[in-house]
Amino acid sequence: MRGRNALRTPQLTSLISASGPLTDQSQQRIEIRISGHELKTLIEEPPSNDELPAYSPPTQPLPGSLSTTSAKTEAITPASERSNCFDEETREAQQSGTLVNDLHSAIEQNDLRKIKHLLQEGVDPNAQSGRLQRNALHQTALHNRAECVRLLVDNGALVDAEEGKGDTALHLATWKGHAEVVDALLTHGADIDRLSGRDGNTPLWCAISKGDSALTELFLDRGADPDIRSSTDLLPLHHAAVSGQDKLCKLLAEHGADIHCRDGEGNTPLHYAATTGQKSVISVLLHEGARHSDVQNQGLSALHWAAHKGHRDALEALLDGDAEKDLLADSATTPLHCAASRGHRACVKLLLDAGADRTICTASWDGNSGTAAELARANGHAQIASMIQFYTGLK
């Protein structure tokens, strides 16, 4: 019997944002979304070498309604790929003979004397050059020239000006991991919560995408709002949770992030951590007050997700936190149904040992109905069906 919880085929889409510039044309930016029974991996062609993309998380999908339309995590592109994406732009500046490009070259070379001379000659620090239309402050951010920030701002540089792709100097400095430049820009009035015109993400989001705890803490200590949503309706805590960054989850929680925040389908950070098997994150979130009883729009708890995806350690962490083992989702589906239907033997045994009720019947799960044993058998997992049917207790 098929119901509204039946598995659906994930669709590829180009709704993506990636963190950091991709330099390898063979790579793709990946976004994870929770929506339906499965995490959904969304793929988009990579940008050109000189382009600075957005963010990209782990290539594994997330939850929504345990069906195959997927999760909602945006893409996290490895931060290391971002650092080489500016070479072509730099060469363009060096090869051009304009005074503006002379200024940009002087910044790259950290030639303060020449920078001062060019500014005194009237070179506009806000003038942009190259295909990416970057100005002097953008170059300062890219080349880690913190000492140039005040000099440029004092000579009229607009601290929140965007380059051609929509990033400000603060976004660029964050992607590059240049903490001193970030601090200098904030000191001179950069908007700490500015949304990038490229991907709609804040500098804090960029720092989390890089897994940079020092910059994340710097932004939070300087007053960054931890609850600003990304262009895909996720909060920083969702991102940190799905990517397994337990220290950043703790930092965000300690700075007032909403531990119970939800995406468009009602998934909390705990759902995201459970779906990708992030045991340490689950422990942190529960310690910070996350509710294992919270369910998303189809009644699924974090325990349902861990069981459905076969993450035994995550399942154990949730059970140790007193998660309700027989919580009923839509159609009376329990975590045991989820694990049995997918053939996750270790998860099935853990749930049985914890006292999960084998007799509950679901009206519809993975296209079938019945007890956990009946779902396992219907999906070709005869041994698991027998294990459930003849379970005699903890061994």
Protein backbone atom coordinates (compact mmCIF):
# COMPACT_ATOMS: atom_id res chain seq x y z
CA MET A 1 0.00 0.00 0.00
CA ARG A 2 1.41 3.35 -0.96
CA GLY A 3 0.80 6.41 1.15
CA ARG A 4 1.97 9.99 1.24
CA ASN A 5 5.12 8.85 3.01
CA ALA A 6 6.08 6.57 0.12
CA LEU A 7 9.60 7.04 -1.21
CA ARG A 8 10.03 9.52 -3.99
CA THR A 9 12.92 9.85 -6.39
CA PRO A 10 15.26 12.73 -5.60
CA GLN A 11 15.44 15.44 -8.23
CA LEU A 12 18.61 17.21 -9.28
CA THR A 13 18.35 20.95 -9.20
CA SER A 14 20.61 23.92 -9.60
CA LEU A 15 19.39 25.69 -6.47
CA ILE A 16 22.85 25.73 -4.90
CA SER A 17 25.18 27.87 -2.93
CA ALA A 18 28.78 26.92 -2.38
CA SER A 19 31.30 28.08 0.09
CA GLY A 20 34.55 29.11 -1.36
CA PRO A 21 35.75 29.28 -4.92
CA LEU A 22 36.11 26.10 -6.86
CA THR A 23 39.22 25.82 -8.95
CA ASP A 24 38.78 22.28 -10.25
CA GLN A 25 36.31 22.26 -13.11
CA SER A 26 35.63 18.56 -12.48
CA GLN A 27 34.16 19.28 -9.08
CA GLN A 28 30.58 20.19 -8.42
CA ARG A 29 29.01 22.21 -5.68
CA ILE A 30 26.73 20.15 -3.53
CA GLU A 31 23.82 21.18 -1.40
CA ILE A 32 22.03 18.98 1.05
CA ARG A 33 18.40 19.50 1.87
CA ILE A 34 16.05 17.66 4.15
CA SER A 35 12.75 17.12 2.44
CA GLY A 36 10.99 13.84 2.22
CA HIS A 37 12.37 10.51 3.43
CA GLU A 38 15.88 11.19 2.23
CA LEU A 39 18.53 13.80 2.23
CA LYS A 40 18.65 15.22 -1.24
CA THR A 41 21.90 16.04 -2.96
CA LEU A 42 21.51 18.98 -5.29
CA ILE A 43 24.20 19.46 -7.91
CA GLU A 44 25.24 22.47 -9.90
CA GLU A 45 28.03 22.96 -12.39
CA PRO A 46 31.11 24.53 -10.81
CA PRO A 47 31.90 28.19 -11.46
CA SER A 48 34.82 29.34 -13.54
CA ASN A 49 38.28 29.38 -11.96
CA ASP A 50 38.25 33.07 -11.11
CA GLU A 51 34.79 33.01 -9.60
CA LEU A 52 34.14 33.06 -5.88
CA PRO A 53 31.18 30.82 -5.09
CA ALA A 54 29.09 30.36 -2.03
CA TYR A 55 28.94 27.52 0.47
CA SER A 56 28.80 23.72 0.31
CA PRO A 57 28.38 21.02 3.11
CA PRO A 58 29.00 17.32 3.29
CA THR A 59 28.07 15.34 0.24
CA GLN A 60 25.74 13.16 2.29
CA PRO A 61 22.02 14.11 2.28
CA LEU A 62 19.59 15.03 5.05
CA PRO A 63 16.00 14.45 6.25
CA GLY A 64 12.57 15.91 5.71
CA SER A 65 9.92 13.27 5.51
CA LEU A 66 11.91 10.06 5.20
CA SER A 67 11.16 9.73 1.50
CA THR A 68 13.60 10.32 -1.28
CA THR A 69 13.12 13.99 -1.86
CA SER A 70 15.83 15.37 0.32
CA ALA A 71 17.48 17.57 2.79
CA LYS A 72 18.05 21.18 3.17
CA THR A 73 21.59 22.01 4.03
CA GLU A 74 23.27 24.11 1.45
CA ALA A 75 26.50 23.21 -0.09
CA ILE A 76 29.83 23.52 1.61
CA THR A 77 32.73 23.78 -0.75
CA PRO A 78 36.11 22.99 0.82
CA ALA A 79 37.62 26.27 1.96
CA SER A 80 41.05 25.28 0.65
CA GLU A 81 39.72 25.51 -2.89
CA ARG A 82 38.83 29.12 -2.39
CA SER A 83 42.33 30.39 -1.81
CA ASN A 84 43.61 29.87 -5.36
CA CYS A 85 40.69 31.35 -7.23
CA PHE A 86 42.09 34.86 -7.45
CA ASP A 87 45.25 34.18 -9.48
CA GLU A 88 43.85 35.11 -12.87
CA GLU A 89 42.33 38.28 -11.48
CA THR A 90 45.67 39.26 -9.94
CA ARG A 91 47.48 38.68 -13.22
CA GLU A 92 44.99 40.90 -15.01
CA ALA A 93 45.71 43.71 -12.56
CA GLN A 94 49.46 43.32 -12.94
CA GLN A 95 49.34 43.32 -16.72
CA SER A 96 47.19 46.43 -16.97
CA GLY A 97 48.96 49.77 -16.87
CA THR A 98 46.21 51.81 -15.25
CA LEU A 99 46.74 53.66 -12.01
CA VAL A 100 43.91 51.70 -10.45
CA ASN A 101 45.65 48.44 -11.20
CA ASP A 102 48.91 49.96 -10.00
CA LEU A 103 47.18 50.55 -6.68
CA HIS A 104 45.92 46.99 -6.58
CA SER A 105 49.39 45.66 -7.38
CA ALA A 106 50.92 47.82 -4.66
CA ILE A 107 48.45 46.32 -2.17
CA GLU A 108 49.39 42.81 -3.22
CA GLN A 109 53.07 43.67 -2.78
CA ASN A 110 52.34 45.41 0.54
CA ASP A 111 54.10 48.55 -0.72
CA LEU A 112 52.64 51.10 1.72
CA ARG A 113 54.79 53.92 0.35
CA LYS A 114 53.47 53.42 -3.17
CA ILE A 115 49.90 53.01 -1.91
CA LYS A 116 50.09 56.35 -0.09
CA HIS A 117 51.60 58.02 -3.14
CA LEU A 118 48.88 56.74 -5.48
CA LEU A 119 46.14 57.81 -3.08
CA GLN A 120 47.73 61.27 -2.81
CA GLU A 121 47.73 61.41 -6.60
CA GLY A 122 43.97 61.00 -6.48
CA VAL A 123 43.53 57.35 -7.41
CA ASP A 124 40.02 56.33 -6.37
CA PRO A 125 40.17 53.43 -3.86
CA ASN A 126 36.63 52.48 -4.89
CA ALA A 127 37.49 52.10 -8.57
CA GLN A 128 36.98 48.52 -9.73
CA SER A 129 38.96 46.49 -12.21
CA GLY A 130 39.01 43.08 -13.84
CA ARG A 131 36.14 40.77 -14.68
CA LEU A 132 35.25 40.42 -11.01
CA GLN A 133 35.15 44.18 -10.53
CA ARG A 134 37.15 44.31 -7.31
CA ASN A 135 38.35 47.49 -5.68
CA ALA A 136 41.34 48.27 -3.48
CA LEU A 137 39.66 47.14 -0.27
CA HIS A 138 38.72 43.82 -1.87
CA GLN A 139 42.38 43.33 -2.81
CA THR A 140 43.37 44.19 0.75
CA ALA A 141 41.03 41.48 2.04
CA LEU A 142 42.30 38.88 -0.42
CA HIS A 143 46.00 39.53 0.20
CA ASN A 144 45.77 39.85 3.99
CA ARG A 145 46.90 43.49 4.21
CA ALA A 146 45.28 44.54 7.48
CA GLU A 147 47.53 47.60 7.74
CA CYS A 148 46.03 48.95 4.50
CA VAL A 149 42.43 48.94 5.72
CA ARG A 150 42.59 52.17 7.72
CA LEU A 151 44.64 53.90 5.03
CA LEU A 152 42.06 53.09 2.37
CA VAL A 153 39.03 53.90 4.53
CA ASP A 154 40.59 57.23 5.55
CA ASN A 155 40.93 57.99 1.84
CA GLY A 156 37.30 57.29 1.04
CA ALA A 157 37.09 53.53 0.54
CA LEU A 158 33.54 52.24 1.04
CA VAL A 159 33.88 49.45 3.55
CA ASP A 160 30.77 47.53 2.44
CA ALA A 161 31.17 47.89 -1.32
CA GLU A 162 30.44 44.68 -3.24
CA GLU A 163 32.62 43.20 -5.95
CA GLY A 164 31.19 41.90 -9.19
CA LYS A 165 29.87 38.67 -7.69
CA GLY A 166 28.32 40.35 -4.67
CA ASP A 167 30.85 39.74 -1.89
CA THR A 168 32.10 42.55 0.33
CA ALA A 169 35.67 42.81 1.59
CA LEU A 170 34.48 41.24 4.84
CA HIS A 171 33.12 38.18 3.03
CA LEU A 172 36.35 37.81 1.04
CA ALA A 173 38.58 38.16 4.10
CA THR A 174 36.47 35.56 5.90
CA TRP A 175 36.66 33.06 3.04
CA LYS A 176 40.42 33.50 2.99
CA GLY A 177 40.68 33.12 6.78
CA HIS A 178 42.36 36.50 7.26
CA ALA A 179 41.39 37.25 10.85
CA GLU A 180 43.40 40.48 11.18
CA VAL A 181 41.74 41.94 8.10
CA VAL A 182 38.32 40.84 9.39
CA ASP A 183 39.02 42.58 12.70
CA ALA A 184 40.25 45.74 10.96
CA LEU A 185 37.20 45.87 8.68
CA LEU A 186 34.84 45.47 11.63
CA THR A 187 36.72 48.16 13.53
CA HIS A 188 36.19 50.50 10.59
CA GLY A 189 32.46 49.88 10.38
CA ALA A 190 31.94 46.88 8.12
CA ASP A 191 28.41 45.47 8.39
CA ILE A 192 28.89 42.27 10.37
CA ASP A 193 25.54 40.82 9.26
CA ARG A 194 25.74 41.89 5.61
CA LEU A 195 24.19 39.35 3.25
CA SER A 196 26.38 38.54 0.28
CA GLY A 197 24.92 39.50 -3.07
CA ARG A 198 26.39 36.26 -4.36
CA ASP A 199 24.66 33.70 -2.17
CA GLY A 200 22.71 35.53 0.52
CA ASN A 201 25.00 34.38 3.33
CA THR A 202 26.49 36.39 6.19
CA PRO A 203 30.20 36.49 7.08
CA LEU A 204 29.38 34.29 10.09
CA TRP A 205 27.96 31.67 7.73
CA CYS A 206 31.16 31.85 5.67
CA ALA A 207 33.28 31.25 8.78
CA ILE A 208 31.18 28.21 9.72
CA SER A 209 31.46 26.91 6.16
CA LYS A 210 35.23 27.01 6.56
CA GLY A 211 35.04 25.31 9.95
CA ASP A 212 36.98 28.30 11.30
CA SER A 213 36.27 28.37 15.04
CA ALA A 214 38.48 31.42 15.65
CA LEU A 215 36.63 33.56 13.10
CA THR A 216 33.28 32.17 14.20
CA GLU A 217 34.04 33.19 17.78
CA LEU A 218 35.33 36.58 16.63
CA PHE A 219 32.09 37.32 14.79
CA LEU A 220 29.94 36.15 17.68
CA ASP A 221 31.97 38.14 20.20
CA ARG A 222 31.61 41.22 17.99
CA GLY A 223 27.83 40.85 17.95
CA ALA A 224 26.99 38.86 14.82
CA ASP A 225 23.40 37.64 14.77
CA PRO A 226 23.53 33.80 14.93
CA ASP A 227 19.94 33.43 13.74
CA ILE A 228 20.02 35.04 10.29
CA ARG A 229 18.76 32.60 7.66
CA SER A 230 20.63 31.78 4.49
CA SER A 231 19.09 32.07 1.05
CA THR A 232 17.95 28.46 1.44
CA ASP A 233 16.18 29.14 4.73
CA LEU A 234 18.79 27.47 6.93
CA LEU A 235 20.40 28.94 10.04
CA PRO A 236 24.09 28.69 10.97
CA LEU A 237 23.28 26.05 13.59
CA HIS A 238 21.71 23.79 10.93
CA HIS A 239 24.89 24.09 8.92
CA ALA A 240 27.23 23.43 11.83
CA ALA A 241 25.13 20.44 12.91
CA VAL A 242 24.94 18.69 9.55
CA SER A 243 28.66 19.16 8.94
CA GLY A 244 29.59 17.64 12.31
CA GLN A 245 31.12 20.75 13.84
CA ASP A 246 30.36 20.15 17.50
CA LYS A 247 32.60 22.96 18.77
CA LEU A 248 30.87 25.48 16.52
CA CYS A 249 27.47 24.19 17.63
CA LYS A 250 28.48 24.81 21.23
CA LEU A 251 29.81 28.28 20.37
CA LEU A 252 26.60 29.22 18.60
CA ALA A 253 24.44 27.93 21.44
CA GLU A 254 26.51 29.79 24.02
CA HIS A 255 26.06 33.00 22.02
CA GLY A 256 22.29 32.72 21.95
CA ALA A 257 21.57 30.80 18.75
CA ASP A 258 18.10 29.27 18.72
CA ILE A 259 18.76 25.61 19.52
CA HIS A 260 15.23 24.74 18.36
CA CYS A 261 15.35 26.61 15.03
CA ARG A 262 13.55 24.92 12.13
CA ASP A 263 13.91 24.84 8.37
CA GLY A 264 10.95 25.05 6.00
CA GLU A 265 9.94 21.45 6.72
CA GLY A 266 10.29 21.77 10.46
CA ASN A 267 13.68 20.08 10.82
CA THR A 268 15.79 21.24 13.76
CA PRO A 269 19.59 21.09 14.05
CA LEU A 270 19.10 17.83 15.97
CA HIS A 271 17.31 16.34 12.95
CA TYR A 272 20.22 17.35 10.73
CA ALA A 273 22.80 15.88 13.09
CA ALA A 274 20.84 12.62 13.35
CA THR A 275 20.43 12.30 9.61
CA THR A 276 24.16 12.45 8.98
CA GLY A 277 25.13 10.45 12.06
CA GLN A 278 26.88 13.23 13.98
CA LYS A 279 27.01 11.62 17.43
CA SER A 280 29.19 14.29 19.05
CA VAL A 281 26.94 17.05 17.72
CA ILE A 282 23.87 15.25 19.06
CA SER A 283 25.48 15.11 22.51
CA VAL A 284 26.29 18.83 22.39
CA LEU A 285 22.82 19.80 21.21
CA LEU A 286 21.09 17.70 23.86
CA HIS A 287 23.38 19.17 26.53
CA GLU A 288 22.47 22.66 25.31
CA GLY A 289 18.77 21.92 25.62
CA ALA A 290 17.67 20.47 22.28
CA ARG A 291 14.45 18.47 22.56
CA HIS A 292 14.64 14.94 21.17
CA SER A 293 10.83 14.95 21.16
CA ASP A 294 10.68 17.72 18.53
CA VAL A 295 9.17 16.46 15.29
CA GLN A 296 9.13 17.98 11.83
CA ASN A 297 6.15 18.50 9.55
CA GLN A 298 5.51 14.78 9.02
CA GLY A 299 5.91 13.88 12.66
CA LEU A 300 9.46 12.55 12.35
CA SER A 301 11.82 12.90 15.29
CA ALA A 302 15.61 12.85 15.23
CA LEU A 303 15.37 9.21 16.35
CA HIS A 304 13.33 8.36 13.24
CA TRP A 305 16.04 9.93 11.08
CA ALA A 306 18.94 8.15 12.76
CA ALA A 307 17.08 4.83 12.45
CA HIS A 308 16.11 5.44 8.83
CA LYS A 309 19.67 6.30 7.81
CA GLY A 310 21.23 3.46 9.79
CA HIS A 311 23.37 5.56 12.11
CA ARG A 312 23.67 3.29 15.12
CA ASP A 313 25.94 5.56 17.18
CA ALA A 314 23.65 8.54 16.63
CA LEU A 315 20.67 6.37 17.54
CA GLU A 316 22.42 5.29 20.73
CA ALA A 317 23.23 8.89 21.68
CA LEU A 318 19.57 9.83 21.29
CA LEU A 319 18.36 6.82 23.27
CA ASP A 320 20.90 7.63 25.99
CA GLY A 321 19.29 11.07 26.05
CA ASP A 322 15.93 9.42 26.78
CA ALA A 323 14.47 9.84 23.30
CA GLU A 324 11.02 8.26 22.95
CA LYS A 325 11.68 4.93 21.23
CA ASP A 326 8.07 4.40 20.11
CA LEU A 327 7.20 7.95 19.08
CA LEU A 328 4.61 7.76 16.30
CA ALA A 329 5.12 9.82 13.16
CA ASP A 330 2.42 10.25 10.52
CA SER A 331 0.76 6.94 9.61
CA ALA A 332 1.82 5.55 13.03
CA THR A 333 5.43 5.02 11.95
CA THR A 334 8.00 4.30 14.67
CA PRO A 335 11.81 4.42 14.52
CA LEU A 336 11.75 0.60 14.48
CA HIS A 337 9.70 0.67 11.28
CA CYS A 338 12.28 3.03 9.75
CA ALA A 339 15.26 0.84 10.63
CA ALA A 340 13.57 -2.44 9.70
CA SER A 341 12.28 -1.20 6.36
CA ARG A 342 15.81 -0.23 5.29
CA GLY A 343 17.50 -3.36 6.67
CA HIS A 344 19.64 -1.64 9.29
CA ARG A 345 20.28 -4.66 11.51
CA ALA A 346 22.38 -2.92 14.19
CA CYS A 347 19.79 -0.19 14.60
CA VAL A 348 16.95 -2.70 14.76
CA LYS A 349 18.72 -4.66 17.51
CA LEU A 350 19.52 -1.49 19.47
CA LEU A 351 15.87 -0.44 19.36
CA LEU A 352 14.65 -3.90 20.35
CA ASP A 353 17.14 -4.00 23.23
CA ALA A 354 15.82 -0.60 24.32
CA GLY A 355 12.31 -2.04 24.45
CA ALA A 356 10.80 -0.83 21.19
CA ASP A 357 7.29 -2.16 20.56
CA ARG A 358 7.33 -4.76 17.75
CA THR A 359 3.54 -4.94 17.46
CA ILE A 360 2.79 -1.41 16.27
CA CYS A 361 1.48 -1.30 12.69
CA THR A 362 2.21 1.60 10.37
CA ALA A 363 -0.41 2.59 7.81
CA SER A 364 2.23 3.48 5.23
CA TRP A 365 6.02 3.54 5.18
CA ASP A 366 8.35 3.03 2.24
CA GLY A 367 5.29 2.03 0.25
CA ASN A 368 4.19 -0.70 2.66
CA SER A 369 2.09 -1.12 5.79
CA GLY A 370 2.23 -3.42 8.80
CA THR A 371 4.56 -4.23 11.68
CA ALA A 372 8.32 -3.67 11.58
CA ALA A 373 8.85 -7.36 10.78
CA GLU A 374 6.35 -7.17 7.91
CA LEU A 375 8.06 -4.08 6.48
CA ALA A 376 11.46 -5.77 6.69
CA ARG A 377 10.16 -8.86 4.89
CA ALA A 378 8.40 -6.78 2.22
CA ASN A 379 11.68 -5.05 1.44
CA GLY A 380 13.71 -8.25 1.18
CA HIS A 381 15.24 -8.29 4.66
CA ALA A 382 14.08 -11.74 5.74
CA GLN A 383 16.74 -12.26 8.42
CA ILE A 384 15.88 -8.96 10.07
CA ALA A 385 12.20 -9.81 9.90
CA SER A 386 12.92 -13.08 11.71
CA MET A 387 15.11 -11.33 14.26
CA ILE A 388 12.25 -8.98 15.10
CA GLN A 389 9.60 -11.68 15.08
CA PHE A 390 11.51 -14.06 17.36
CA TYR A 391 13.30 -11.49 19.53
CA THR A 392 13.52 -12.84 23.08
CA GLY A 393 15.27 -10.03 24.88
CA LEU A 394 18.62 -8.39 25.48
CA LYS A 395 21.56 -10.74 24.96
